[in-house]
Amino acid sequence: MSILTTIAISIVIILHVLFLVLEMFFWNTLFGRKTFGLKEDYARQSATLAANQGLYNGFLAAGLLWGLVSTGGFDALIFFLSCIIIAGIYGALTAKRSILFLQALPAAIAMALLILNN
């Protein structure tokens, strides 16, 4: 795997760890509400759902990390990057368009590099 591919996948991992932290620990804070454009009442009511969503983002990051460090992790990387791309497209269609650029696009770039350099 090329260094550029490893860097691209690492960026996706870091993004998903940041999503985990934001959704699990900062959702119902001033910083979290400003980041996601939430009203205080809604943030409080949806904090449990956001924490669950954050946990899933952590699983995606863990899966990518596992694929990076394991021998023959190509299939795992393809699977987890595909999951992220699909989730990003769905999020862009149903929640907020910027999800396409923050989540799906970095994963698509990483997947393209992975496929091209395999």
PDB file of N, CA and C in Angstrom:
ATOM      1  N   MET A   1       0.848  -1.170   0.000  1.00  0.00           N
ATOM      2  CA  MET A   1       0.000   0.000   0.000  1.00  0.00           C
ATOM      3  C   MET A   1       0.901   1.244   0.000  1.00  0.00           C
ATOM      4  N   SER A   2       0.551   2.227  -0.801  1.00  0.00           N
ATOM      5  CA  SER A   2       1.367   3.427  -0.894  1.00  0.00           C
ATOM      6  C   SER A   2       1.206   4.304   0.356  1.00  0.00           C
ATOM      7  N   ILE A   3       2.166   5.172   0.548  1.00  0.00           N
ATOM      8  CA  ILE A   3       2.108   6.101   1.681  1.00  0.00           C
ATOM      9  C   ILE A   3       0.903   7.027   1.536  1.00  0.00           C
ATOM     10  N   LEU A   4       0.612   7.468   0.319  1.00  0.00           N
ATOM     11  CA  LEU A   4      -0.534   8.348   0.082  1.00  0.00           C
ATOM     12  C   LEU A   4      -1.851   7.657   0.450  1.00  0.00           C
ATOM     13  N   THR A   5      -1.970   6.387   0.104  1.00  0.00           N
ATOM     14  CA  THR A   5      -3.165   5.619   0.457  1.00  0.00           C
ATOM     15  C   THR A   5      -3.285   5.497   1.967  1.00  0.00           C
ATOM     16  N   THR A   6      -2.191   5.183   2.627  1.00  0.00           N
ATOM     17  CA  THR A   6      -2.191   5.066   4.091  1.00  0.00           C
ATOM     18  C   THR A   6      -2.578   6.388   4.734  1.00  0.00           C
ATOM     19  N   ILE A   7      -2.075   7.491   4.205  1.00  0.00           N
ATOM     20  CA  ILE A   7      -2.420   8.811   4.744  1.00  0.00           C
ATOM     21  C   ILE A   7      -3.913   9.094   4.538  1.00  0.00           C
ATOM     22  N   ALA A   8      -4.429   8.802   3.360  1.00  0.00           N
ATOM     23  CA  ALA A   8      -5.850   9.047   3.078  1.00  0.00           C
ATOM     24  C   ALA A   8      -6.744   8.235   4.006  1.00  0.00           C
ATOM     25  N   ILE A   9      -6.412   6.964   4.211  1.00  0.00           N
ATOM     26  CA  ILE A   9      -7.197   6.121   5.113  1.00  0.00           C
ATOM     27  C   ILE A   9      -7.059   6.621   6.551  1.00  0.00           C
ATOM     28  N   SER A  10      -5.875   7.050   6.919  1.00  0.00           N
ATOM     29  CA  SER A  10      -5.654   7.585   8.266  1.00  0.00           C
ATOM     30  C   SER A  10      -6.476   8.847   8.506  1.00  0.00           C
ATOM     31  N   ILE A  11      -6.620   9.672   7.494  1.00  0.00           N
ATOM     32  CA  ILE A  11      -7.459  10.867   7.615  1.00  0.00           C
ATOM     33  C   ILE A  11      -8.912  10.466   7.870  1.00  0.00           C
ATOM     34  N   VAL A  12      -9.388   9.458   7.164  1.00  0.00           N
ATOM     35  CA  VAL A  12     -10.759   8.980   7.367  1.00  0.00           C
ATOM     36  C   VAL A  12     -10.912   8.432   8.792  1.00  0.00           C
ATOM     37  N   ILE A  13      -9.907   7.713   9.271  1.00  0.00           N
ATOM     38  CA  ILE A  13      -9.943   7.205  10.648  1.00  0.00           C
ATOM     39  C   ILE A  13     -10.029   8.368  11.633  1.00  0.00           C
ATOM     40  N   ILE A  14      -9.186   9.360  11.459  1.00  0.00           N
ATOM     41  CA  ILE A  14      -9.172  10.521  12.369  1.00  0.00           C
ATOM     42  C   ILE A  14     -10.514  11.240  12.331  1.00  0.00           C
ATOM     43  N   LEU A  15     -11.066  11.425  11.138  1.00  0.00           N
ATOM     44  CA  LEU A  15     -12.374  12.070  11.027  1.00  0.00           C
ATOM     45  C   LEU A  15     -13.432  11.323  11.835  1.00  0.00           C
ATOM     46  N   HIS A  16     -13.434   9.993  11.723  1.00  0.00           N
ATOM     47  CA  HIS A  16     -14.457   9.219  12.421  1.00  0.00           C
ATOM     48  C   HIS A  16     -14.234   9.173  13.929  1.00  0.00           C
ATOM     49  N   VAL A  17     -13.002   9.252  14.361  1.00  0.00           N
ATOM     50  CA  VAL A  17     -12.749   9.382  15.801  1.00  0.00           C
ATOM     51  C   VAL A  17     -13.253  10.748  16.274  1.00  0.00           C
ATOM     52  N   LEU A  18     -13.032  11.780  15.479  1.00  0.00           N
ATOM     53  CA  LEU A  18     -13.548  13.110  15.833  1.00  0.00           C
ATOM     54  C   LEU A  18     -15.074  13.119  15.849  1.00  0.00           C
ATOM     55  N   PHE A  19     -15.712  12.456  14.887  1.00  0.00           N
ATOM     56  CA  PHE A  19     -17.173  12.354  14.896  1.00  0.00           C
ATOM     57  C   PHE A  19     -17.633  11.661  16.172  1.00  0.00           C
ATOM     58  N   LEU A  20     -16.938  10.590  16.559  1.00  0.00           N
ATOM     59  CA  LEU A  20     -17.266   9.875  17.793  1.00  0.00           C
ATOM     60  C   LEU A  20     -17.220  10.832  18.982  1.00  0.00           C
ATOM     61  N   VAL A  21     -16.139  11.566  19.117  1.00  0.00           N
ATOM     62  CA  VAL A  21     -15.968  12.473  20.249  1.00  0.00           C
ATOM     63  C   VAL A  21     -17.048  13.550  20.240  1.00  0.00           C
ATOM     64  N   LEU A  22     -17.289  14.151  19.086  1.00  0.00           N
ATOM     65  CA  LEU A  22     -18.315  15.189  19.000  1.00  0.00           C
ATOM     66  C   LEU A  22     -19.693  14.655  19.360  1.00  0.00           C
ATOM     67  N   GLU A  23     -20.049  13.517  18.810  1.00  0.00           N
ATOM     68  CA  GLU A  23     -21.392  12.986  19.006  1.00  0.00           C
ATOM     69  C   GLU A  23     -21.588  12.360  20.382  1.00  0.00           C
ATOM     70  N   MET A  24     -20.561  11.750  20.926  1.00  0.00           N
ATOM     71  CA  MET A  24     -20.720  11.082  22.224  1.00  0.00           C
ATOM     72  C   MET A  24     -20.499  12.012  23.408  1.00  0.00           C
ATOM     73  N   PHE A  25     -19.590  12.969  23.267  1.00  0.00           N
ATOM     74  CA  PHE A  25     -19.182  13.747  24.436  1.00  0.00           C
ATOM     75  C   PHE A  25     -19.483  15.238  24.344  1.00  0.00           C
ATOM     76  N   PHE A  26     -19.648  15.778  23.149  1.00  0.00           N
ATOM     77  CA  PHE A  26     -19.844  17.222  23.009  1.00  0.00           C
ATOM     78  C   PHE A  26     -21.172  17.623  22.386  1.00  0.00           C
ATOM     79  N   TRP A  27     -22.021  16.660  22.067  1.00  0.00           N
ATOM     80  CA  TRP A  27     -23.299  16.927  21.410  1.00  0.00           C
ATOM     81  C   TRP A  27     -24.103  17.985  22.156  1.00  0.00           C
ATOM     82  N   ASN A  28     -24.212  17.828  23.442  1.00  0.00           N
ATOM     83  CA  ASN A  28     -25.065  18.701  24.254  1.00  0.00           C
ATOM     84  C   ASN A  28     -24.249  19.784  24.968  1.00  0.00           C
ATOM     85  N   THR A  29     -23.197  20.268  24.331  1.00  0.00           N
ATOM     86  CA  THR A  29     -22.413  21.386  24.854  1.00  0.00           C
ATOM     87  C   THR A  29     -22.544  22.542  23.864  1.00  0.00           C
ATOM     88  N   LEU A  30     -22.127  23.706  24.280  1.00  0.00           N
ATOM     89  CA  LEU A  30     -22.181  24.864  23.389  1.00  0.00           C
ATOM     90  C   LEU A  30     -21.401  24.584  22.099  1.00  0.00           C
ATOM     91  N   PHE A  31     -20.219  24.000  22.237  1.00  0.00           N
ATOM     92  CA  PHE A  31     -19.401  23.670  21.069  1.00  0.00           C
ATOM     93  C   PHE A  31     -20.137  22.693  20.149  1.00  0.00           C
ATOM     94  N   GLY A  32     -20.703  21.647  20.708  1.00  0.00           N
ATOM     95  CA  GLY A  32     -21.427  20.655  19.916  1.00  0.00           C
ATOM     96  C   GLY A  32     -22.647  21.237  19.240  1.00  0.00           C
ATOM     97  N   ARG A  33     -23.398  22.052  19.983  1.00  0.00           N
ATOM     98  CA  ARG A  33     -24.597  22.660  19.401  1.00  0.00           C
ATOM     99  C   ARG A  33     -24.232  23.604  18.263  1.00  0.00           C
ATOM    100  N   LYS A  34     -23.150  24.365  18.415  1.00  0.00           N
ATOM    101  CA  LYS A  34     -22.709  25.256  17.330  1.00  0.00           C
ATOM    102  C   LYS A  34     -22.213  24.447  16.132  1.00  0.00           C
ATOM    103  N   THR A  35     -21.464  23.388  16.398  1.00  0.00           N
ATOM    104  CA  THR A  35     -20.925  22.551  15.317  1.00  0.00           C
ATOM    105  C   THR A  35     -22.036  21.957  14.468  1.00  0.00           C
ATOM    106  N   PHE A  36     -23.083  21.458  15.128  1.00  0.00           N
ATOM    107  CA  PHE A  36     -24.164  20.786  14.410  1.00  0.00           C
ATOM    108  C   PHE A  36     -25.374  21.681  14.160  1.00  0.00           C
ATOM    109  N   GLY A  37     -25.321  22.933  14.633  1.00  0.00           N
ATOM    110  CA  GLY A  37     -26.436  23.854  14.428  1.00  0.00           C
ATOM    111  C   GLY A  37     -27.693  23.432  15.157  1.00  0.00           C
ATOM    112  N   LEU A  38     -27.547  23.035  16.416  1.00  0.00           N
ATOM    113  CA  LEU A  38     -28.665  22.505  17.190  1.00  0.00           C
ATOM    114  C   LEU A  38     -29.162  23.499  18.231  1.00  0.00           C
ATOM    115  N   LYS A  39     -30.440  23.439  18.495  1.00  0.00           N
ATOM    116  CA  LYS A  39     -31.010  24.194  19.612  1.00  0.00           C
ATOM    117  C   LYS A  39     -30.795  23.378  20.880  1.00  0.00           C
ATOM    118  N   GLU A  40     -30.658  24.064  21.983  1.00  0.00           N
ATOM    119  CA  GLU A  40     -30.338  23.408  23.252  1.00  0.00           C
ATOM    120  C   GLU A  40     -31.328  22.303  23.604  1.00  0.00           C
ATOM    121  N   ASP A  41     -32.614  22.577  23.434  1.00  0.00           N
ATOM    122  CA  ASP A  41     -33.640  21.593  23.780  1.00  0.00           C
ATOM    123  C   ASP A  41     -33.517  20.333  22.917  1.00  0.00           C
ATOM    124  N   TYR A  42     -33.320  20.532  21.625  1.00  0.00           N
ATOM    125  CA  TYR A  42     -33.176  19.384  20.723  1.00  0.00           C
ATOM    126  C   TYR A  42     -31.911  18.590  21.042  1.00  0.00           C
ATOM    127  N   ALA A  43     -30.817  19.287  21.311  1.00  0.00           N
ATOM    128  CA  ALA A  43     -29.557  18.603  21.636  1.00  0.00           C
ATOM    129  C   ALA A  43     -29.733  17.743  22.883  1.00  0.00           C
ATOM    130  N   ARG A  44     -30.403  18.265  23.869  1.00  0.00           N
ATOM    131  CA  ARG A  44     -30.618  17.508  25.110  1.00  0.00           C
ATOM    132  C   ARG A  44     -31.481  16.265  24.831  1.00  0.00           C
ATOM    133  N   GLN A  45     -32.541  16.452  24.051  1.00  0.00           N
ATOM    134  CA  GLN A  45     -33.451  15.340  23.763  1.00  0.00           C
ATOM    135  C   GLN A  45     -32.827  14.264  22.873  1.00  0.00           C
ATOM    136  N   SER A  46     -31.914  14.650  22.027  1.00  0.00           N
ATOM    137  CA  SER A  46     -31.337  13.697  21.070  1.00  0.00           C
ATOM    138  C   SER A  46     -29.940  13.210  21.465  1.00  0.00           C
ATOM    139  N   ALA A  47     -29.472  13.550  22.649  1.00  0.00           N
ATOM    140  CA  ALA A  47     -28.107  13.208  23.055  1.00  0.00           C
ATOM    141  C   ALA A  47     -27.856  11.697  23.053  1.00  0.00           C
ATOM    142  N   THR A  48     -28.815  10.907  23.487  1.00  0.00           N
ATOM    143  CA  THR A  48     -28.630   9.459  23.508  1.00  0.00           C
ATOM    144  C   THR A  48     -28.507   8.904  22.091  1.00  0.00           C
ATOM    145  N   LEU A  49     -29.329   9.410  21.185  1.00  0.00           N
ATOM    146  CA  LEU A  49     -29.234   8.968  19.778  1.00  0.00           C
ATOM    147  C   LEU A  49     -27.901   9.377  19.173  1.00  0.00           C
ATOM    148  N   ALA A  50     -27.457  10.578  19.491  1.00  0.00           N
ATOM    149  CA  ALA A  50     -26.173  11.051  18.959  1.00  0.00           C
ATOM    150  C   ALA A  50     -25.019  10.203  19.496  1.00  0.00           C
ATOM    151  N   ALA A  51     -25.091   9.839  20.780  1.00  0.00           N
ATOM    152  CA  ALA A  51     -24.040   9.002  21.364  1.00  0.00           C
ATOM    153  C   ALA A  51     -23.994   7.644  20.666  1.00  0.00           C
ATOM    154  N   ASN A  52     -25.146   7.099  20.357  1.00  0.00           N
ATOM    155  CA  ASN A  52     -25.207   5.829  19.631  1.00  0.00           C
ATOM    156  C   ASN A  52     -24.586   5.979  18.242  1.00  0.00           C
ATOM    157  N   GLN A  53     -24.898   7.075  17.582  1.00  0.00           N
ATOM    158  CA  GLN A  53     -24.322   7.355  16.270  1.00  0.00           C
ATOM    159  C   GLN A  53     -22.810   7.513  16.364  1.00  0.00           C
ATOM    160  N   GLY A  54     -22.349   8.167  17.409  1.00  0.00           N
ATOM    161  CA  GLY A  54     -20.912   8.326  17.627  1.00  0.00           C
ATOM    162  C   GLY A  54     -20.219   6.992  17.815  1.00  0.00           C
ATOM    163  N   LEU A  55     -20.872   6.103  18.546  1.00  0.00           N
ATOM    164  CA  LEU A  55     -20.309   4.776  18.763  1.00  0.00           C
ATOM    165  C   LEU A  55     -20.122   4.044  17.437  1.00  0.00           C
ATOM    166  N   TYR A  56     -21.107   4.144  16.552  1.00  0.00           N
ATOM    167  CA  TYR A  56     -20.985   3.521  15.239  1.00  0.00           C
ATOM    168  C   TYR A  56     -19.825   4.121  14.449  1.00  0.00           C
ATOM    169  N   ASN A  57     -19.632   5.430  14.550  1.00  0.00           N
ATOM    170  CA  ASN A  57     -18.489   6.045  13.886  1.00  0.00           C
ATOM    171  C   ASN A  57     -17.179   5.508  14.444  1.00  0.00           C
ATOM    172  N   GLY A  58     -17.158   5.238  15.737  1.00  0.00           N
ATOM    173  CA  GLY A  58     -15.972   4.633  16.341  1.00  0.00           C
ATOM    174  C   GLY A  58     -15.715   3.234  15.802  1.00  0.00           C
ATOM    175  N   PHE A  59     -16.787   2.469  15.590  1.00  0.00           N
ATOM    176  CA  PHE A  59     -16.619   1.134  15.015  1.00  0.00           C
ATOM    177  C   PHE A  59     -16.060   1.210  13.595  1.00  0.00           C
ATOM    178  N   LEU A  60     -16.509   2.202  12.827  1.00  0.00           N
ATOM    179  CA  LEU A  60     -15.978   2.375  11.476  1.00  0.00           C
ATOM    180  C   LEU A  60     -14.488   2.700  11.519  1.00  0.00           C
ATOM    181  N   ALA A  61     -14.099   3.589  12.435  1.00  0.00           N
ATOM    182  CA  ALA A  61     -12.679   3.935  12.586  1.00  0.00           C
ATOM    183  C   ALA A  61     -11.877   2.709  13.003  1.00  0.00           C
ATOM    184  N   ALA A  62     -12.415   1.934  13.933  1.00  0.00           N
ATOM    185  CA  ALA A  62     -11.712   0.728  14.398  1.00  0.00           C
ATOM    186  C   ALA A  62     -11.558  -0.286  13.269  1.00  0.00           C
ATOM    187  N   GLY A  63     -12.595  -0.431  12.460  1.00  0.00           N
ATOM    188  CA  GLY A  63     -12.516  -1.352  11.319  1.00  0.00           C
ATOM    189  C   GLY A  63     -11.456  -0.938  10.315  1.00  0.00           C
ATOM    190  N   LEU A  64     -11.373   0.364  10.052  1.00  0.00           N
ATOM    191  CA  LEU A  64     -10.336   0.846   9.134  1.00  0.00           C
ATOM    192  C   LEU A  64      -8.949   0.649   9.725  1.00  0.00           C
ATOM    193  N   LEU A  65      -8.807   0.920  11.006  1.00  0.00           N
ATOM    194  CA  LEU A  65      -7.508   0.720  11.653  1.00  0.00           C
ATOM    195  C   LEU A  65      -7.115  -0.752  11.603  1.00  0.00           C
ATOM    196  N   TRP A  66      -8.064  -1.625  11.862  1.00  0.00           N
ATOM    197  CA  TRP A  66      -7.818  -3.067  11.777  1.00  0.00           C
ATOM    198  C   TRP A  66      -7.359  -3.428  10.358  1.00  0.00           C
ATOM    199  N   GLY A  67      -8.024  -2.882   9.344  1.00  0.00           N
ATOM    200  CA  GLY A  67      -7.637  -3.158   7.968  1.00  0.00           C
ATOM    201  C   GLY A  67      -6.255  -2.635   7.624  1.00  0.00           C
ATOM    202  N   LEU A  68      -5.893  -1.508   8.212  1.00  0.00           N
ATOM    203  CA  LEU A  68      -4.562  -0.939   7.951  1.00  0.00           C
ATOM    204  C   LEU A  68      -3.442  -1.769   8.556  1.00  0.00           C
ATOM    205  N   VAL A  69      -3.654  -2.279   9.761  1.00  0.00           N
ATOM    206  CA  VAL A  69      -2.561  -2.952  10.470  1.00  0.00           C
ATOM    207  C   VAL A  69      -2.528  -4.453  10.252  1.00  0.00           C
ATOM    208  N   SER A  70      -3.606  -5.030   9.722  1.00  0.00           N
ATOM    209  CA  SER A  70      -3.614  -6.479   9.545  1.00  0.00           C
ATOM    210  C   SER A  70      -3.015  -6.863   8.193  1.00  0.00           C
ATOM    211  N   THR A  71      -2.435  -8.025   8.166  1.00  0.00           N
ATOM    212  CA  THR A  71      -1.909  -8.558   6.913  1.00  0.00           C
ATOM    213  C   THR A  71      -3.092  -8.900   6.020  1.00  0.00           C
ATOM    214  N   GLY A  72      -3.042  -8.442   4.803  1.00  0.00           N
ATOM    215  CA  GLY A  72      -4.147  -8.726   3.887  1.00  0.00           C
ATOM    216  C   GLY A  72      -5.420  -8.010   4.259  1.00  0.00           C
ATOM    217  N   GLY A  73      -5.323  -6.789   4.758  1.00  0.00           N
ATOM    218  CA  GLY A  73      -6.492  -6.037   5.206  1.00  0.00           C
ATOM    219  C   GLY A  73      -7.264  -5.351   4.098  1.00  0.00           C
ATOM    220  N   PHE A  74      -6.928  -5.629   2.855  1.00  0.00           N
ATOM    221  CA  PHE A  74      -7.585  -4.976   1.718  1.00  0.00           C
ATOM    222  C   PHE A  74      -9.099  -5.139   1.769  1.00  0.00           C
ATOM    223  N   ASP A  75      -9.571  -6.357   1.979  1.00  0.00           N
ATOM    224  CA  ASP A  75     -11.017  -6.603   1.993  1.00  0.00           C
ATOM    225  C   ASP A  75     -11.705  -5.839   3.113  1.00  0.00           C
ATOM    226  N   ALA A  76     -11.093  -5.800   4.277  1.00  0.00           N
ATOM    227  CA  ALA A  76     -11.667  -5.052   5.402  1.00  0.00           C
ATOM    228  C   ALA A  76     -11.724  -3.567   5.075  1.00  0.00           C
ATOM    229  N   LEU A  77     -10.664  -3.047   4.473  1.00  0.00           N
ATOM    230  CA  LEU A  77     -10.641  -1.628   4.113  1.00  0.00           C
ATOM    231  C   LEU A  77     -11.716  -1.307   3.084  1.00  0.00           C
ATOM    232  N   ILE A  78     -11.870  -2.151   2.084  1.00  0.00           N
ATOM    233  CA  ILE A  78     -12.916  -1.945   1.075  1.00  0.00           C
ATOM    234  C   ILE A  78     -14.288  -1.967   1.738  1.00  0.00           C
ATOM    235  N   PHE A  79     -14.511  -2.925   2.628  1.00  0.00           N
ATOM    236  CA  PHE A  79     -15.812  -3.037   3.300  1.00  0.00           C
ATOM    237  C   PHE A  79     -16.115  -1.787   4.126  1.00  0.00           C
ATOM    238  N   PHE A  80     -15.192  -1.380   5.004  1.00  0.00           N
ATOM    239  CA  PHE A  80     -15.460  -0.250   5.891  1.00  0.00           C
ATOM    240  C   PHE A  80     -15.516   1.072   5.126  1.00  0.00           C
ATOM    241  N   LEU A  81     -14.680   1.244   4.117  1.00  0.00           N
ATOM    242  CA  LEU A  81     -14.778   2.452   3.298  1.00  0.00           C
ATOM    243  C   LEU A  81     -16.108   2.489   2.551  1.00  0.00           C
ATOM    244  N   SER A  82     -16.569   1.341   2.061  1.00  0.00           N
ATOM    245  CA  SER A  82     -17.884   1.273   1.402  1.00  0.00           C
ATOM    246  C   SER A  82     -18.996   1.664   2.361  1.00  0.00           C
ATOM    247  N   CYS A  83     -18.938   1.161   3.581  1.00  0.00           N
ATOM    248  CA  CYS A  83     -19.938   1.514   4.591  1.00  0.00           C
ATOM    249  C   CYS A  83     -19.961   3.022   4.831  1.00  0.00           C
ATOM    250  N   ILE A  84     -18.789   3.618   4.916  1.00  0.00           N
ATOM    251  CA  ILE A  84     -18.690   5.061   5.163  1.00  0.00           C
ATOM    252  C   ILE A  84     -19.232   5.852   3.976  1.00  0.00           C
ATOM    253  N   ILE A  85     -18.898   5.439   2.772  1.00  0.00           N
ATOM    254  CA  ILE A  85     -19.391   6.128   1.575  1.00  0.00           C
ATOM    255  C   ILE A  85     -20.918   6.060   1.519  1.00  0.00           C
ATOM    256  N   ILE A  86     -21.466   4.885   1.748  1.00  0.00           N
ATOM    257  CA  ILE A  86     -22.926   4.712   1.710  1.00  0.00           C
ATOM    258  C   ILE A  86     -23.585   5.546   2.808  1.00  0.00           C
ATOM    259  N   ALA A  87     -23.038   5.506   4.018  1.00  0.00           N
ATOM    260  CA  ALA A  87     -23.589   6.302   5.118  1.00  0.00           C
ATOM    261  C   ALA A  87     -23.498   7.792   4.809  1.00  0.00           C
ATOM    262  N   GLY A  88     -22.408   8.213   4.195  1.00  0.00           N
ATOM    263  CA  GLY A  88     -22.247   9.624   3.840  1.00  0.00           C
ATOM    264  C   GLY A  88     -23.238  10.072   2.781  1.00  0.00           C
ATOM    265  N   ILE A  89     -23.475   9.233   1.801  1.00  0.00           N
ATOM    266  CA  ILE A  89     -24.459   9.561   0.765  1.00  0.00           C
ATOM    267  C   ILE A  89     -25.852   9.627   1.378  1.00  0.00           C
ATOM    268  N   TYR A  90     -26.182   8.646   2.196  1.00  0.00           N
ATOM    269  CA  TYR A  90     -27.494   8.626   2.844  1.00  0.00           C
ATOM    270  C   TYR A  90     -27.666   9.861   3.741  1.00  0.00           C
ATOM    271  N   GLY A  91     -26.636  10.179   4.511  1.00  0.00           N
ATOM    272  CA  GLY A  91     -26.703  11.355   5.376  1.00  0.00           C
ATOM    273  C   GLY A  91     -26.872  12.636   4.579  1.00  0.00           C
ATOM    274  N   ALA A  92     -26.205  12.732   3.448  1.00  0.00           N
ATOM    275  CA  ALA A  92     -26.335  13.918   2.601  1.00  0.00           C
ATOM    276  C   ALA A  92     -27.739  14.046   2.028  1.00  0.00           C
ATOM    277  N   LEU A  93     -28.347  12.916   1.707  1.00  0.00           N
ATOM    278  CA  LEU A  93     -29.696  12.935   1.143  1.00  0.00           C
ATOM    279  C   LEU A  93     -30.769  13.183   2.195  1.00  0.00           C
ATOM    280  N   THR A  94     -30.526  12.739   3.413  1.00  0.00           N
ATOM    281  CA  THR A  94     -31.585  12.782   4.428  1.00  0.00           C
ATOM    282  C   THR A  94     -31.364  13.796   5.541  1.00  0.00           C
ATOM    283  N   ALA A  95     -30.133  14.223   5.764  1.00  0.00           N
ATOM    284  CA  ALA A  95     -29.872  15.095   6.902  1.00  0.00           C
ATOM    285  C   ALA A  95     -29.245  16.425   6.496  1.00  0.00           C
ATOM    286  N   LYS A  96     -28.034  16.370   5.970  1.00  0.00           N
ATOM    287  CA  LYS A  96     -27.298  17.605   5.676  1.00  0.00           C
ATOM    288  C   LYS A  96     -26.344  17.345   4.511  1.00  0.00           C
ATOM    289  N   ARG A  97     -26.419  18.185   3.498  1.00  0.00           N
ATOM    290  CA  ARG A  97     -25.625  17.994   2.282  1.00  0.00           C
ATOM    291  C   ARG A  97     -24.117  17.935   2.563  1.00  0.00           C
ATOM    292  N   SER A  98     -23.643  18.684   3.561  1.00  0.00           N
ATOM    293  CA  SER A  98     -22.203  18.743   3.842  1.00  0.00           C
ATOM    294  C   SER A  98     -21.632  17.389   4.265  1.00  0.00           C
ATOM    295  N   ILE A  99     -22.490  16.467   4.697  1.00  0.00           N
ATOM    296  CA  ILE A  99     -22.028  15.131   5.081  1.00  0.00           C
ATOM    297  C   ILE A  99     -21.365  14.440   3.882  1.00  0.00           C
ATOM    298  N   LEU A 100     -21.848  14.738   2.697  1.00  0.00           N
ATOM    299  CA  LEU A 100     -21.260  14.152   1.492  1.00  0.00           C
ATOM    300  C   LEU A 100     -19.784  14.515   1.384  1.00  0.00           C
ATOM    301  N   PHE A 101     -19.448  15.753   1.719  1.00  0.00           N
ATOM    302  CA  PHE A 101     -18.072  16.229   1.577  1.00  0.00           C
ATOM    303  C   PHE A 101     -17.213  15.910   2.793  1.00  0.00           C
ATOM    304  N   LEU A 102     -17.822  15.838   3.969  1.00  0.00           N
ATOM    305  CA  LEU A 102     -17.066  15.570   5.196  1.00  0.00           C
ATOM    306  C   LEU A 102     -16.851  14.089   5.450  1.00  0.00           C
ATOM    307  N   GLN A 103     -17.759  13.261   4.948  1.00  0.00           N
ATOM    308  CA  GLN A 103     -17.679  11.836   5.242  1.00  0.00           C
ATOM    309  C   GLN A 103     -17.463  10.996   3.986  1.00  0.00           C
ATOM    310  N   ALA A 104     -18.345  11.122   3.020  1.00  0.00           N
ATOM    311  CA  ALA A 104     -18.285  10.238   1.848  1.00  0.00           C
ATOM    312  C   ALA A 104     -17.095  10.538   0.938  1.00  0.00           C
ATOM    313  N   LEU A 105     -16.824  11.808   0.680  1.00  0.00           N
ATOM    314  CA  LEU A 105     -15.742  12.157  -0.246  1.00  0.00           C
ATOM    315  C   LEU A 105     -14.364  11.701   0.232  1.00  0.00           C
ATOM    316  N   PRO A 106     -13.976  11.962   1.501  1.00  0.00           N
ATOM    317  CA  PRO A 106     -12.664  11.455   1.936  1.00  0.00           C
ATOM    318  C   PRO A 106     -12.561   9.930   1.837  1.00  0.00           C
ATOM    319  N   ALA A 107     -13.657   9.237   2.171  1.00  0.00           N
ATOM    320  CA  ALA A 107     -13.640   7.773   2.069  1.00  0.00           C
ATOM    321  C   ALA A 107     -13.553   7.320   0.619  1.00  0.00           C
ATOM    322  N   ALA A 108     -14.230   8.019  -0.288  1.00  0.00           N
ATOM    323  CA  ALA A 108     -14.176   7.665  -1.711  1.00  0.00           C
ATOM    324  C   ALA A 108     -12.772   7.888  -2.274  1.00  0.00           C
ATOM    325  N   ILE A 109     -12.140   8.973  -1.857  1.00  0.00           N
ATOM    326  CA  ILE A 109     -10.758   9.229  -2.301  1.00  0.00           C
ATOM    327  C   ILE A 109      -9.835   8.127  -1.779  1.00  0.00           C
ATOM    328  N   ALA A 110      -9.995   7.786  -0.494  1.00  0.00           N
ATOM    329  CA  ALA A 110      -9.164   6.730   0.085  1.00  0.00           C
ATOM    330  C   ALA A 110      -9.395   5.401  -0.631  1.00  0.00           C
ATOM    331  N   MET A 111     -10.652   5.104  -0.960  1.00  0.00           N
ATOM    332  CA  MET A 111     -10.946   3.841  -1.654  1.00  0.00           C
ATOM    333  C   MET A 111     -10.350   3.847  -3.057  1.00  0.00           C
ATOM    334  N   ALA A 112     -10.465   4.949  -3.760  1.00  0.00           N
ATOM    335  CA  ALA A 112      -9.886   5.029  -5.113  1.00  0.00           C
ATOM    336  C   ALA A 112      -8.386   4.818  -5.059  1.00  0.00           C
ATOM    337  N   LEU A 113      -7.734   5.458  -4.111  1.00  0.00           N
ATOM    338  CA  LEU A 113      -6.275   5.263  -3.958  1.00  0.00           C
ATOM    339  C   LEU A 113      -5.948   3.817  -3.609  1.00  0.00           C
ATOM    340  N   LEU A 114      -6.746   3.226  -2.733  1.00  0.00           N
ATOM    341  CA  LEU A 114      -6.528   1.838  -2.334  1.00  0.00           C
ATOM    342  C   LEU A 114      -6.641   0.904  -3.531  1.00  0.00           C
ATOM    343  N   ILE A 115      -7.669   1.090  -4.329  1.00  0.00           N
ATOM    344  CA  ILE A 115      -7.877   0.229  -5.497  1.00  0.00           C
ATOM    345  C   ILE A 115      -6.781   0.460  -6.547  1.00  0.00           C
ATOM    346  N   LEU A 116      -6.463   1.714  -6.787  1.00  0.00           N
ATOM    347  CA  LEU A 116      -5.460   2.020  -7.810  1.00  0.00           C
ATOM    348  C   LEU A 116      -4.059   1.540  -7.427  1.00  0.00           C
ATOM    349  N   ASN A 117      -3.788   1.494  -6.132  1.00  0.00           N
ATOM    350  CA  ASN A 117      -2.437   1.116  -5.681  1.00  0.00           C
ATOM    351  C   ASN A 117      -2.359  -0.319  -5.191  1.00  0.00           C
ATOM    352  N   ASN A 118      -3.352  -1.105  -5.503  1.00  0.00           N
ATOM    353  CA  ASN A 118      -3.328  -2.500  -5.056  1.00  0.00           C
ATOM    354  C   ASN A 118      -2.802  -3.401  -6.159  1.00  0.00           C
TER     355      ASN A 118
END
